């Protein structure tokens, strides 16, 4: 890739490399006017992110999936706190959250999120959307501390089609049909997800 310097900034263009077993591309700018608090705007693209490369990310280390995920990520801020915008195409991915969802490969599946990460390790997701089986669910979420991942979440959907969603979501009866609207809030801890409360 290319690196250029000027006006107190470092510009990265067409960088490529590997994060573990996953290839990635990187572009962006690092403002080095305040060397003690570097500001950056980076764009990363992972065309084939694999499960083994989640092992060092506390929130995702227990998340198991098979198949490559296409993930893009934009980061703006500094090492203490930053804003992010995340998109993932999970069509080729097979994954399961026991008792909740089981998704096989080759099904349209997208996830988007936009929010902030703070110095104390907390995450606020201002908006997220999840598409699967012709349905879209949107909402907000928050985790106060990644070391103790207690979370709050809200999710809503209009005209949620019960069929074919029953083949993915374990809490839906596969024989159910029709559409529904819902607005759900929940809280719990990712380390004890089965004890979470939703209403």
N, C-alpha and C. Protein backbone atom coordinates (compact mmCIF):
# COMPACT_ATOMS: atom_id res chain seq x y z
N UNK A 1 0.81 -1.18 0.00
CA UNK A 1 0.00 0.00 0.00
C UNK A 1 0.86 1.26 0.00
N UNK A 2 0.21 2.39 -0.07
CA UNK A 2 0.89 3.68 -0.10
C UNK A 2 0.74 4.39 1.25
N UNK A 3 1.79 5.12 1.62
CA UNK A 3 1.77 5.99 2.80
C UNK A 3 2.22 7.36 2.36
N UNK A 4 1.47 8.40 2.74
CA UNK A 4 1.89 9.76 2.42
C UNK A 4 1.78 10.62 3.67
N UNK A 5 2.64 11.62 3.76
CA UNK A 5 2.70 12.52 4.92
C UNK A 5 2.45 13.94 4.45
N UNK A 6 1.83 14.73 5.29
CA UNK A 6 1.63 16.14 4.97
C UNK A 6 0.58 16.75 5.86
N UNK A 7 0.73 18.05 6.15
CA UNK A 7 -0.23 18.79 6.98
C UNK A 7 -0.46 18.12 8.33
N UNK A 8 0.56 17.48 8.89
CA UNK A 8 0.43 16.84 10.19
C UNK A 8 -0.32 15.53 10.17
N UNK A 9 -0.54 14.97 8.98
CA UNK A 9 -1.31 13.74 8.86
C UNK A 9 -0.52 12.65 8.15
N UNK A 10 -0.87 11.42 8.47
CA UNK A 10 -0.38 10.25 7.74
C UNK A 10 -1.58 9.67 7.01
N UNK A 11 -1.43 9.49 5.71
CA UNK A 11 -2.52 8.92 4.91
C UNK A 11 -2.13 7.53 4.43
N UNK A 12 -3.03 6.59 4.64
CA UNK A 12 -2.82 5.20 4.23
C UNK A 12 -3.78 4.90 3.08
N UNK A 13 -3.26 4.27 2.03
CA UNK A 13 -4.10 3.96 0.88
C UNK A 13 -3.73 2.58 0.35
N UNK A 14 -4.76 1.77 0.11
CA UNK A 14 -4.60 0.43 -0.49
C UNK A 14 -3.67 -0.48 0.31
N UNK A 15 -3.71 -0.40 1.63
CA UNK A 15 -2.93 -1.32 2.44
C UNK A 15 -3.65 -2.66 2.50
N UNK A 16 -2.90 -3.72 2.46
CA UNK A 16 -3.50 -5.05 2.61
C UNK A 16 -2.60 -5.89 3.50
N UNK A 17 -3.21 -6.84 4.17
CA UNK A 17 -2.46 -7.71 5.07
C UNK A 17 -3.35 -8.82 5.57
N UNK A 18 -2.95 -9.42 6.69
CA UNK A 18 -3.72 -10.50 7.28
C UNK A 18 -3.89 -10.24 8.77
N UNK A 19 -5.09 -10.51 9.26
CA UNK A 19 -5.36 -10.53 10.69
C UNK A 19 -5.59 -11.99 11.01
N UNK A 20 -4.57 -12.66 11.54
CA UNK A 20 -4.66 -14.11 11.72
C UNK A 20 -4.76 -14.79 10.37
N UNK A 21 -5.85 -15.51 10.16
CA UNK A 21 -6.07 -16.21 8.89
C UNK A 21 -6.95 -15.42 7.93
N UNK A 22 -7.32 -14.20 8.30
CA UNK A 22 -8.26 -13.41 7.50
C UNK A 22 -7.55 -12.28 6.77
N UNK A 23 -7.73 -12.20 5.44
CA UNK A 23 -7.15 -11.07 4.72
C UNK A 23 -7.94 -9.79 5.02
N UNK A 24 -7.27 -8.64 4.93
CA UNK A 24 -7.97 -7.37 5.13
C UNK A 24 -7.33 -6.29 4.27
N UNK A 25 -8.12 -5.22 4.03
CA UNK A 25 -7.64 -4.01 3.38
C UNK A 25 -7.87 -2.85 4.34
N UNK A 26 -6.95 -1.87 4.30
CA UNK A 26 -7.00 -0.74 5.21
C UNK A 26 -6.73 0.55 4.46
N UNK A 27 -7.53 1.58 4.75
CA UNK A 27 -7.31 2.93 4.24
C UNK A 27 -7.68 3.90 5.34
N UNK A 28 -7.14 5.11 5.26
CA UNK A 28 -7.55 6.11 6.23
C UNK A 28 -6.50 7.16 6.47
N UNK A 29 -6.71 7.90 7.56
CA UNK A 29 -5.85 9.03 7.89
C UNK A 29 -5.63 9.09 9.39
N UNK A 30 -4.41 9.39 9.80
CA UNK A 30 -4.06 9.56 11.20
C UNK A 30 -3.55 10.98 11.37
N UNK A 31 -4.21 11.74 12.23
CA UNK A 31 -3.82 13.12 12.51
C UNK A 31 -2.80 13.09 13.65
N UNK A 32 -1.57 13.48 13.38
CA UNK A 32 -0.52 13.42 14.39
C UNK A 32 -0.13 14.80 14.91
N UNK A 33 -1.02 15.77 14.79
CA UNK A 33 -0.74 17.11 15.32
C UNK A 33 -0.58 17.09 16.85
N UNK A 34 -1.36 16.22 17.53
CA UNK A 34 -1.21 16.04 18.97
C UNK A 34 -0.70 14.62 19.17
N UNK A 35 0.61 14.45 19.25
CA UNK A 35 1.24 13.13 19.28
C UNK A 35 0.79 12.31 20.50
N UNK A 36 0.36 12.99 21.59
CA UNK A 36 -0.08 12.27 22.79
C UNK A 36 -1.51 11.75 22.65
N UNK A 37 -2.24 12.27 21.70
CA UNK A 37 -3.63 11.86 21.52
C UNK A 37 -3.95 11.84 20.02
N UNK A 38 -3.43 10.84 19.34
CA UNK A 38 -3.61 10.73 17.89
C UNK A 38 -5.09 10.55 17.54
N UNK A 39 -5.55 11.31 16.57
CA UNK A 39 -6.90 11.16 16.04
C UNK A 39 -6.81 10.39 14.72
N UNK A 40 -7.78 9.52 14.49
CA UNK A 40 -7.72 8.74 13.26
C UNK A 40 -9.11 8.57 12.65
N UNK A 41 -9.11 8.30 11.35
CA UNK A 41 -10.30 7.92 10.59
C UNK A 41 -9.85 6.78 9.70
N UNK A 42 -10.27 5.57 10.04
CA UNK A 42 -9.80 4.38 9.33
C UNK A 42 -10.98 3.58 8.78
N UNK A 43 -10.75 2.95 7.63
CA UNK A 43 -11.72 2.05 7.02
C UNK A 43 -11.03 0.71 6.80
N UNK A 44 -11.65 -0.34 7.35
CA UNK A 44 -11.12 -1.70 7.19
C UNK A 44 -12.15 -2.57 6.51
N UNK A 45 -11.66 -3.45 5.66
CA UNK A 45 -12.53 -4.38 4.96
C UNK A 45 -11.95 -5.78 5.12
N UNK A 46 -12.76 -6.70 5.61
CA UNK A 46 -12.39 -8.11 5.75
C UNK A 46 -13.28 -8.91 4.81
N UNK A 47 -12.79 -9.27 3.61
CA UNK A 47 -13.66 -9.97 2.67
C UNK A 47 -13.96 -11.41 3.07
N UNK A 48 -13.11 -12.02 3.92
CA UNK A 48 -13.33 -13.40 4.35
C UNK A 48 -12.86 -13.58 5.79
N UNK A 49 -13.58 -12.99 6.74
CA UNK A 49 -13.24 -13.10 8.15
C UNK A 49 -13.65 -14.47 8.66
N UNK A 50 -12.73 -15.17 9.32
CA UNK A 50 -13.00 -16.52 9.80
C UNK A 50 -13.06 -16.55 11.33
N UNK A 51 -13.73 -17.57 11.86
CA UNK A 51 -14.00 -17.68 13.30
C UNK A 51 -12.75 -17.64 14.17
N UNK A 52 -11.68 -18.28 13.76
CA UNK A 52 -10.48 -18.35 14.61
C UNK A 52 -9.93 -16.98 14.94
N UNK A 53 -10.24 -15.98 14.15
CA UNK A 53 -9.71 -14.64 14.39
C UNK A 53 -10.54 -13.83 15.39
N UNK A 54 -11.59 -14.44 15.97
CA UNK A 54 -12.36 -13.80 17.02
C UNK A 54 -11.86 -14.19 18.41
N UNK A 55 -10.90 -15.10 18.49
CA UNK A 55 -10.52 -15.67 19.79
C UNK A 55 -9.97 -14.64 20.77
N UNK A 56 -9.41 -13.53 20.30
CA UNK A 56 -8.85 -12.53 21.19
C UNK A 56 -9.78 -11.36 21.46
N UNK A 57 -11.02 -11.45 20.98
CA UNK A 57 -12.01 -10.40 21.21
C UNK A 57 -12.98 -10.91 22.27
N UNK A 58 -12.90 -10.39 23.51
CA UNK A 58 -13.67 -10.97 24.63
C UNK A 58 -15.14 -11.21 24.34
N UNK A 59 -15.82 -10.25 23.74
CA UNK A 59 -17.25 -10.37 23.51
C UNK A 59 -17.59 -11.50 22.54
N UNK A 60 -16.68 -11.82 21.60
CA UNK A 60 -16.99 -12.79 20.56
C UNK A 60 -16.25 -14.12 20.69
N UNK A 61 -15.44 -14.29 21.74
CA UNK A 61 -14.61 -15.49 21.80
C UNK A 61 -15.44 -16.77 21.90
N UNK A 62 -16.66 -16.70 22.43
CA UNK A 62 -17.51 -17.88 22.53
C UNK A 62 -18.45 -18.03 21.33
N UNK A 63 -18.47 -17.04 20.45
CA UNK A 63 -19.36 -17.08 19.28
C UNK A 63 -18.75 -17.98 18.23
N UNK A 64 -19.45 -19.06 17.90
CA UNK A 64 -18.93 -20.03 16.95
C UNK A 64 -19.65 -19.89 15.61
N UNK A 65 -18.89 -19.87 14.54
CA UNK A 65 -19.51 -19.88 13.23
C UNK A 65 -18.60 -20.58 12.24
N UNK A 66 -19.17 -21.00 11.13
CA UNK A 66 -18.43 -21.63 10.04
C UNK A 66 -18.69 -20.85 8.78
N UNK A 67 -17.68 -20.75 7.95
CA UNK A 67 -17.82 -20.03 6.69
C UNK A 67 -17.31 -18.61 6.80
N UNK A 68 -16.96 -18.00 5.67
CA UNK A 68 -16.40 -16.65 5.70
C UNK A 68 -17.46 -15.55 5.80
N UNK A 69 -17.20 -14.58 6.66
CA UNK A 69 -18.06 -13.40 6.78
C UNK A 69 -17.37 -12.23 6.06
N UNK A 70 -18.14 -11.43 5.35
CA UNK A 70 -17.61 -10.22 4.72
C UNK A 70 -17.96 -9.06 5.65
N UNK A 71 -16.93 -8.47 6.25
CA UNK A 71 -17.12 -7.45 7.27
C UNK A 71 -16.39 -6.18 6.89
N UNK A 72 -17.04 -5.03 7.07
CA UNK A 72 -16.38 -3.74 6.90
C UNK A 72 -16.58 -2.94 8.17
N UNK A 73 -15.59 -2.10 8.48
CA UNK A 73 -15.59 -1.35 9.72
C UNK A 73 -14.96 0.02 9.50
N UNK A 74 -15.64 1.07 9.96
CA UNK A 74 -15.08 2.42 9.94
C UNK A 74 -14.91 2.87 11.38
N UNK A 75 -13.72 3.42 11.70
CA UNK A 75 -13.41 3.90 13.04
C UNK A 75 -12.97 5.35 12.97
N UNK A 76 -13.52 6.19 13.84
CA UNK A 76 -13.16 7.61 13.91
C UNK A 76 -13.01 8.00 15.38
N UNK A 77 -11.82 8.46 15.74
CA UNK A 77 -11.61 8.90 17.12
C UNK A 77 -10.17 8.77 17.53
N UNK A 78 -9.95 8.28 18.76
CA UNK A 78 -8.60 8.09 19.27
C UNK A 78 -8.56 6.80 20.07
N UNK A 79 -7.43 6.52 20.70
CA UNK A 79 -7.30 5.27 21.43
C UNK A 79 -8.17 5.21 22.68
N UNK A 80 -8.59 6.35 23.21
CA UNK A 80 -9.44 6.37 24.40
C UNK A 80 -10.91 6.13 24.07
N UNK A 81 -11.39 6.73 23.01
CA UNK A 81 -12.79 6.56 22.63
C UNK A 81 -12.93 6.83 21.13
N UNK A 82 -13.87 6.12 20.52
CA UNK A 82 -14.05 6.29 19.08
C UNK A 82 -15.47 5.92 18.67
N UNK A 83 -15.87 6.42 17.52
CA UNK A 83 -17.14 6.06 16.90
C UNK A 83 -16.87 4.99 15.87
N UNK A 84 -17.86 4.13 15.66
CA UNK A 84 -17.70 3.06 14.69
C UNK A 84 -18.95 2.89 13.84
N UNK A 85 -18.74 2.36 12.66
CA UNK A 85 -19.83 1.94 11.79
C UNK A 85 -19.43 0.59 11.22
N UNK A 86 -20.27 -0.41 11.45
CA UNK A 86 -19.94 -1.79 11.13
C UNK A 86 -21.00 -2.38 10.21
N UNK A 87 -20.56 -3.13 9.20
CA UNK A 87 -21.48 -3.85 8.32
C UNK A 87 -20.95 -5.25 8.11
N UNK A 88 -21.84 -6.23 8.11
CA UNK A 88 -21.42 -7.62 7.89
C UNK A 88 -22.42 -8.32 6.98
N UNK A 89 -21.90 -8.99 5.97
CA UNK A 89 -22.69 -9.86 5.11
C UNK A 89 -22.40 -11.28 5.57
N UNK A 90 -23.42 -11.93 6.15
CA UNK A 90 -23.26 -13.25 6.74
C UNK A 90 -23.92 -14.34 5.92
N UNK A 91 -24.17 -14.08 4.65
CA UNK A 91 -24.89 -15.04 3.81
C UNK A 91 -24.21 -16.40 3.76
N UNK A 92 -22.88 -16.44 3.71
CA UNK A 92 -22.15 -17.70 3.59
C UNK A 92 -21.81 -18.33 4.95
N UNK A 93 -22.26 -17.69 6.02
CA UNK A 93 -21.89 -18.12 7.37
C UNK A 93 -22.98 -19.00 7.98
N UNK A 94 -22.54 -20.03 8.68
CA UNK A 94 -23.42 -20.89 9.47
C UNK A 94 -23.10 -20.63 10.94
N UNK A 95 -24.12 -20.34 11.77
CA UNK A 95 -23.87 -20.08 13.18
C UNK A 95 -25.07 -20.47 14.02
N UNK A 96 -24.84 -20.54 15.34
CA UNK A 96 -25.89 -20.93 16.26
C UNK A 96 -25.68 -20.25 17.61
N UNK A 97 -26.76 -19.76 18.18
CA UNK A 97 -26.82 -19.36 19.58
C UNK A 97 -27.81 -20.34 20.21
N UNK A 98 -27.33 -21.34 20.98
CA UNK A 98 -28.19 -22.42 21.45
C UNK A 98 -29.48 -21.93 22.11
N UNK A 99 -30.58 -22.54 21.68
CA UNK A 99 -31.90 -22.21 22.21
C UNK A 99 -32.51 -20.94 21.65
N UNK A 100 -31.75 -20.21 20.82
CA UNK A 100 -32.26 -18.95 20.31
C UNK A 100 -32.33 -18.93 18.79
N UNK A 101 -31.20 -19.17 18.12
CA UNK A 101 -31.17 -19.08 16.66
C UNK A 101 -30.20 -20.11 16.10
N UNK A 102 -30.56 -20.64 14.96
CA UNK A 102 -29.68 -21.53 14.22
C UNK A 102 -29.79 -21.15 12.75
N UNK A 103 -28.68 -20.69 12.18
CA UNK A 103 -28.68 -20.20 10.81
C UNK A 103 -27.71 -21.02 9.98
N UNK A 104 -28.18 -21.53 8.88
CA UNK A 104 -27.34 -22.30 7.95
C UNK A 104 -26.76 -21.37 6.88
N UNK A 105 -25.73 -21.85 6.19
CA UNK A 105 -25.10 -21.08 5.11
C UNK A 105 -26.07 -20.90 3.95
N UNK A 106 -25.78 -19.92 3.10
CA UNK A 106 -26.53 -19.62 1.89
C UNK A 106 -27.94 -19.10 2.16
N UNK A 107 -28.08 -18.31 3.22
CA UNK A 107 -29.33 -17.61 3.50
C UNK A 107 -28.98 -16.13 3.67
N UNK A 108 -29.73 -15.26 2.98
CA UNK A 108 -29.49 -13.81 3.06
C UNK A 108 -29.48 -13.38 4.52
N UNK A 109 -28.40 -12.74 4.95
CA UNK A 109 -28.24 -12.36 6.35
C UNK A 109 -27.26 -11.20 6.43
N UNK A 110 -27.74 -10.05 6.92
CA UNK A 110 -26.88 -8.87 7.05
C UNK A 110 -27.04 -8.26 8.43
N UNK A 111 -25.96 -7.67 8.91
CA UNK A 111 -25.97 -6.97 10.19
C UNK A 111 -25.26 -5.64 10.03
N UNK A 112 -25.85 -4.58 10.58
CA UNK A 112 -25.24 -3.25 10.56
C UNK A 112 -25.35 -2.66 11.96
N UNK A 113 -24.33 -1.90 12.35
CA UNK A 113 -24.37 -1.24 13.66
C UNK A 113 -23.57 0.06 13.59
N UNK A 114 -24.03 1.03 14.38
CA UNK A 114 -23.37 2.32 14.44
C UNK A 114 -23.39 2.77 15.89
N UNK A 115 -22.21 3.19 16.42
CA UNK A 115 -22.18 3.59 17.81
C UNK A 115 -20.83 4.08 18.26
N UNK A 116 -20.55 3.93 19.56
CA UNK A 116 -19.34 4.47 20.16
C UNK A 116 -18.75 3.48 21.17
N UNK A 117 -17.41 3.51 21.28
CA UNK A 117 -16.68 2.75 22.29
C UNK A 117 -15.98 3.76 23.18
N UNK A 118 -16.06 3.56 24.51
CA UNK A 118 -15.54 4.54 25.46
C UNK A 118 -14.33 4.02 26.22
N UNK A 119 -13.59 4.92 26.81
CA UNK A 119 -12.34 4.61 27.52
C UNK A 119 -12.53 3.56 28.60
N UNK A 120 -13.69 3.57 29.27
CA UNK A 120 -13.94 2.61 30.35
C UNK A 120 -14.26 1.21 29.83
N UNK A 121 -14.27 1.02 28.51
CA UNK A 121 -14.57 -0.29 27.92
C UNK A 121 -16.02 -0.49 27.58
N UNK A 122 -16.83 0.54 27.73
CA UNK A 122 -18.24 0.42 27.40
C UNK A 122 -18.51 0.67 25.93
N UNK A 123 -19.63 0.13 25.47
CA UNK A 123 -20.06 0.30 24.08
C UNK A 123 -21.51 0.76 24.08
N UNK A 124 -21.80 1.78 23.29
CA UNK A 124 -23.17 2.22 23.05
C UNK A 124 -23.44 2.05 21.57
N UNK A 125 -24.46 1.27 21.24
CA UNK A 125 -24.87 1.10 19.84
C UNK A 125 -26.11 1.97 19.64
N UNK A 126 -25.92 3.07 18.92
CA UNK A 126 -27.02 4.01 18.68
C UNK A 126 -28.08 3.42 17.78
N UNK A 127 -27.66 2.59 16.84
CA UNK A 127 -28.61 1.92 15.95
C UNK A 127 -27.99 0.65 15.40
N UNK A 128 -28.82 -0.37 15.25
CA UNK A 128 -28.38 -1.61 14.61
C UNK A 128 -29.55 -2.19 13.83
N UNK A 129 -29.21 -2.98 12.84
CA UNK A 129 -30.25 -3.68 12.08
C UNK A 129 -29.74 -5.07 11.72
N UNK A 130 -30.66 -6.01 11.73
CA UNK A 130 -30.35 -7.42 11.47
C UNK A 130 -31.38 -7.92 10.47
N UNK A 131 -30.90 -8.44 9.35
CA UNK A 131 -31.79 -8.97 8.32
C UNK A 131 -31.55 -10.46 8.15
N UNK A 132 -32.64 -11.22 8.15
CA UNK A 132 -32.56 -12.67 7.96
C UNK A 132 -33.92 -13.18 7.51
N UNK A 133 -33.92 -14.01 6.49
CA UNK A 133 -35.15 -14.65 6.05
C UNK A 133 -36.24 -13.69 5.62
N UNK A 134 -35.85 -12.55 5.02
CA UNK A 134 -36.84 -11.60 4.54
C UNK A 134 -37.35 -10.63 5.60
N UNK A 135 -36.86 -10.75 6.83
CA UNK A 135 -37.26 -9.87 7.92
C UNK A 135 -36.13 -8.94 8.31
N UNK A 136 -36.51 -7.79 8.87
CA UNK A 136 -35.52 -6.87 9.41
C UNK A 136 -35.94 -6.47 10.83
N UNK A 137 -34.96 -6.56 11.75
CA UNK A 137 -35.16 -6.13 13.13
C UNK A 137 -34.17 -4.99 13.38
N UNK A 138 -34.63 -3.92 14.03
CA UNK A 138 -33.77 -2.78 14.32
C UNK A 138 -33.80 -2.48 15.81
N UNK A 139 -32.79 -1.73 16.28
CA UNK A 139 -32.81 -1.39 17.69
C UNK A 139 -31.59 -0.63 18.14
N UNK A 140 -31.39 -0.62 19.46
CA UNK A 140 -30.25 0.01 20.12
C UNK A 140 -29.71 -0.99 21.14
N UNK A 141 -28.48 -0.73 21.65
CA UNK A 141 -27.90 -1.63 22.64
C UNK A 141 -26.80 -0.91 23.41
N UNK A 142 -26.45 -1.47 24.55
CA UNK A 142 -25.37 -0.91 25.34
C UNK A 142 -24.72 -1.97 26.21
N UNK A 143 -23.42 -1.89 26.37
CA UNK A 143 -22.65 -2.74 27.28
C UNK A 143 -21.77 -1.80 28.09
N UNK A 144 -21.90 -1.84 29.40
CA UNK A 144 -21.16 -0.91 30.25
C UNK A 144 -19.68 -1.24 30.33
N UNK A 145 -19.32 -2.54 30.32
CA UNK A 145 -17.94 -2.96 30.54
C UNK A 145 -17.74 -4.31 29.86
N UNK A 146 -16.81 -4.41 28.92
CA UNK A 146 -16.59 -5.66 28.20
C UNK A 146 -16.04 -6.77 29.10
N UNK A 147 -15.38 -6.42 30.20
CA UNK A 147 -14.88 -7.44 31.13
C UNK A 147 -16.02 -8.09 31.90
N UNK A 148 -17.11 -7.38 32.11
CA UNK A 148 -18.32 -7.89 32.74
C UNK A 148 -19.48 -7.48 31.83
N UNK A 149 -19.71 -8.23 30.75
CA UNK A 149 -20.58 -7.75 29.66
C UNK A 149 -22.08 -7.78 29.96
N UNK A 150 -22.48 -6.96 30.94
CA UNK A 150 -23.91 -6.75 31.16
C UNK A 150 -24.44 -5.86 30.05
N UNK A 151 -25.59 -6.19 29.52
CA UNK A 151 -26.10 -5.47 28.36
C UNK A 151 -27.54 -5.04 28.54
N UNK A 152 -27.92 -4.03 27.77
CA UNK A 152 -29.32 -3.66 27.58
C UNK A 152 -29.53 -3.63 26.07
N UNK A 153 -30.72 -3.96 25.64
CA UNK A 153 -31.00 -3.98 24.20
C UNK A 153 -32.47 -3.66 23.97
N UNK A 154 -32.73 -3.01 22.86
CA UNK A 154 -34.11 -2.84 22.40
C UNK A 154 -34.16 -3.33 20.97
N UNK A 155 -35.27 -3.93 20.59
CA UNK A 155 -35.43 -4.41 19.22
C UNK A 155 -36.88 -4.30 18.80
N UNK A 156 -37.07 -3.96 17.53
CA UNK A 156 -38.43 -3.77 17.02
C UNK A 156 -38.47 -4.20 15.56
N UNK A 157 -39.66 -4.61 15.14
CA UNK A 157 -39.86 -4.98 13.74
C UNK A 157 -41.31 -4.75 13.37
N UNK A 158 -41.53 -4.32 12.14
CA UNK A 158 -42.87 -4.20 11.57
C UNK A 158 -43.04 -5.26 10.50
N UNK A 159 -44.21 -5.88 10.46
CA UNK A 159 -44.53 -6.91 9.47
C UNK A 159 -43.51 -8.04 9.47
N UNK A 160 -43.12 -8.49 10.66
CA UNK A 160 -42.20 -9.61 10.81
C UNK A 160 -42.92 -10.88 10.37
N UNK A 161 -42.40 -11.55 9.37
CA UNK A 161 -43.03 -12.75 8.81
C UNK A 161 -42.64 -13.96 9.66
N UNK A 162 -43.66 -14.61 10.26
CA UNK A 162 -43.37 -15.74 11.14
C UNK A 162 -42.86 -16.94 10.36
N UNK A 163 -43.34 -17.11 9.13
CA UNK A 163 -42.78 -18.14 8.27
C UNK A 163 -42.07 -17.42 7.14
N UNK A 164 -40.81 -17.65 6.88
CA UNK A 164 -39.99 -18.80 7.27
C UNK A 164 -39.11 -18.60 8.50
N UNK A 165 -39.38 -17.60 9.33
CA UNK A 165 -38.50 -17.33 10.47
C UNK A 165 -38.41 -18.47 11.45
N UNK A 166 -39.45 -19.32 11.49
CA UNK A 166 -39.43 -20.46 12.39
C UNK A 166 -38.28 -21.42 12.13
N UNK A 167 -37.75 -21.42 10.91
CA UNK A 167 -36.62 -22.31 10.63
C UNK A 167 -35.31 -21.79 11.20
N UNK A 168 -35.26 -20.50 11.59
CA UNK A 168 -34.05 -19.91 12.16
C UNK A 168 -34.16 -19.72 13.67
N UNK A 169 -35.28 -19.15 14.11
CA UNK A 169 -35.44 -18.79 15.52
C UNK A 169 -36.09 -19.94 16.28
N UNK A 170 -35.37 -20.49 17.24
CA UNK A 170 -35.82 -21.67 17.98
C UNK A 170 -37.04 -21.41 18.85
N UNK A 171 -37.30 -20.17 19.23
CA UNK A 171 -38.43 -19.88 20.10
C UNK A 171 -39.74 -19.73 19.32
N UNK A 172 -39.68 -19.78 17.98
CA UNK A 172 -40.88 -19.71 17.16
C UNK A 172 -41.29 -21.10 16.71
N UNK A 173 -42.57 -21.37 16.74
CA UNK A 173 -43.10 -22.64 16.25
C UNK A 173 -42.99 -22.65 14.73
N UNK A 174 -42.37 -23.68 14.18
CA UNK A 174 -42.15 -23.76 12.73
C UNK A 174 -43.46 -23.76 11.94
N UNK A 175 -44.58 -24.11 12.60
CA UNK A 175 -45.87 -24.16 11.91
C UNK A 175 -46.60 -22.82 11.93
N UNK A 176 -46.08 -21.83 12.64
CA UNK A 176 -46.74 -20.52 12.73
C UNK A 176 -46.68 -19.81 11.38
N UNK A 177 -47.68 -18.99 11.12
CA UNK A 177 -47.74 -18.25 9.87
C UNK A 177 -48.28 -16.85 10.15
N UNK A 178 -48.19 -15.97 9.16
CA UNK A 178 -48.70 -14.62 9.31
C UNK A 178 -47.57 -13.64 9.60
N UNK A 179 -47.97 -12.41 9.99
CA UNK A 179 -46.99 -11.38 10.30
C UNK A 179 -47.32 -10.77 11.66
N UNK A 180 -46.32 -10.15 12.26
CA UNK A 180 -46.53 -9.49 13.54
C UNK A 180 -45.62 -8.27 13.65
N UNK A 181 -46.01 -7.33 14.49
CA UNK A 181 -45.16 -6.20 14.86
C UNK A 181 -44.73 -6.44 16.30
N UNK A 182 -43.51 -6.07 16.63
CA UNK A 182 -43.09 -6.20 18.02
C UNK A 182 -42.09 -5.12 18.40
N UNK A 183 -42.01 -4.88 19.71
CA UNK A 183 -41.07 -3.95 20.30
C UNK A 183 -40.65 -4.57 21.63
N UNK A 184 -39.40 -5.01 21.73
CA UNK A 184 -38.92 -5.78 22.87
C UNK A 184 -37.72 -5.07 23.49
N UNK A 185 -37.66 -5.06 24.82
CA UNK A 185 -36.47 -4.60 25.53
C UNK A 185 -35.94 -5.76 26.36
N UNK A 186 -34.62 -5.76 26.57
CA UNK A 186 -34.03 -6.83 27.33
C UNK A 186 -32.78 -6.39 28.04
N UNK A 187 -32.36 -7.21 29.02
CA UNK A 187 -31.12 -6.96 29.74
C UNK A 187 -30.58 -8.28 30.25
N UNK A 188 -29.28 -8.30 30.50
CA UNK A 188 -28.66 -9.52 30.99
C UNK A 188 -27.15 -9.40 30.92
N UNK A 189 -26.50 -10.56 30.88
CA UNK A 189 -25.05 -10.63 30.80
C UNK A 189 -24.70 -11.65 29.73
N UNK A 190 -23.82 -11.29 28.79
CA UNK A 190 -23.46 -12.21 27.72
C UNK A 190 -22.83 -13.49 28.25
N UNK A 191 -22.23 -13.44 29.44
CA UNK A 191 -21.64 -14.65 30.02
C UNK A 191 -22.69 -15.60 30.56
N UNK A 192 -23.91 -15.10 30.80
CA UNK A 192 -25.03 -15.92 31.28
C UNK A 192 -26.26 -15.56 30.47
N UNK A 193 -26.15 -15.68 29.16
CA UNK A 193 -27.21 -15.22 28.27
C UNK A 193 -28.55 -15.89 28.58
N UNK A 194 -28.50 -17.16 29.00
CA UNK A 194 -29.73 -17.90 29.28
C UNK A 194 -30.54 -17.28 30.42
N UNK A 195 -29.92 -16.45 31.25
CA UNK A 195 -30.62 -15.79 32.37
C UNK A 195 -31.12 -14.40 32.01
N UNK A 196 -30.98 -14.00 30.77
CA UNK A 196 -31.42 -12.67 30.34
C UNK A 196 -32.93 -12.50 30.47
N UNK A 197 -33.36 -11.26 30.64
CA UNK A 197 -34.79 -10.95 30.77
C UNK A 197 -35.21 -10.10 29.59
N UNK A 198 -36.27 -10.53 28.89
CA UNK A 198 -36.83 -9.78 27.76
C UNK A 198 -38.31 -9.57 28.00
N UNK A 199 -38.78 -8.38 27.62
CA UNK A 199 -40.22 -8.11 27.75
C UNK A 199 -40.70 -7.17 26.65
